[in-house]
């Protein structure tokens, strides 16, 4: 189904832009074939590598493909807008204007827009600081620094070099804990071994904790769980840990991803994750997908951290992503006196590496307590 959807822009560009070009037929045909191949890049990935989630083209090639894919999407939308204006003019004047020069201008705008969107997708993310007051946070945890990383998607697009820069920027934050909410890589352990190696250099005073996202299951669940443990992460697979400070407690719980059910693994189970947890103490839940946040918060979770949506990535598409995730796609959502935070993602799936309006992020939470000034 997705392949048919992405084919439509190629057909539209072929009919409205390539076919009328004053070029020999063979050149127009080659141009059209090139546009179709880029539009159907995910089918190409599957045909060449057997997996549309983990293409192994070199970094430069992957950047170019995403740039060209973005150009096709942007150019299609601008051509469509141009044709709507032309249709209105035809209805009023009875003539359909020729827009050959306009079409080239629109192509230029599309190229610039796609270049910017690709750059925004692959750059090392900035730090986004969020200060949160939790109602039952003990004063010992006032000012507690929690860093969330998510959706790293290590690949030939997001390589070890990029990962090292993310780690360096994260370590500057002097985190008390680092929490990773899934999708560490696209591809097998053998392919991504060196790309994720810098994660072992992350520093947090009281530990690093993680959960799997859906892409861990696509890429080999058990090997990736072992690799994350090698890198110093404690995987919270429907389980929790207790963080203690000055005699007070904070719980960090995590659930698996629903993709587990398709791979004969344990699906998400909040009740199991919260077994033995004092519901009067603050609870931070790691859940890769935000869609169950209302249910999770109603069951005693004070703060849920999620990823998965990549923030919606670009204007317009973000609305669809939001509807597909129970109204959640990007940023902080207060629900009563509790919170859901959906990160835009630190990295991005290499099959759609474009960002407009929803930048990648390394998220620093500074927790504040209502009880900070009392004994």
Foldseek 3Di string as FASTA:
>chain_A
DQLVVLQVLLVQCLVPPLVPDPDPPVVSVVVSVVLSCLSNVLVVQCVVPVHSQARADAQVVLLVSLLSSQLSVQLSVVVVVVVVVQVVVCVVPVDRDDCNVVSVVSSVVSNVQSNVQLCLFQAQAEEDEAEAEFALADLLQFQAKEWEAEQQADHSNQFLVSVLVNQVNQQVRAHQEYEYQENNHAAECVRRVNRCLNLLVHDHNHFYEYEYELRCLVHPVPVVVVSVVVSGYHYQDLAKDWDDGPRATEIEFEHYDQNLVVVVHDHGDNVSHCVPPDLSYAYEYRHAACQCVVVNVVVRHQEYEYEPQLLLFEPPSNVVSCVVRNNDRAAWDDDPSGIYHYFNHSHHRSSNRTHDPRGHHTYMYTYRYPCNPDD
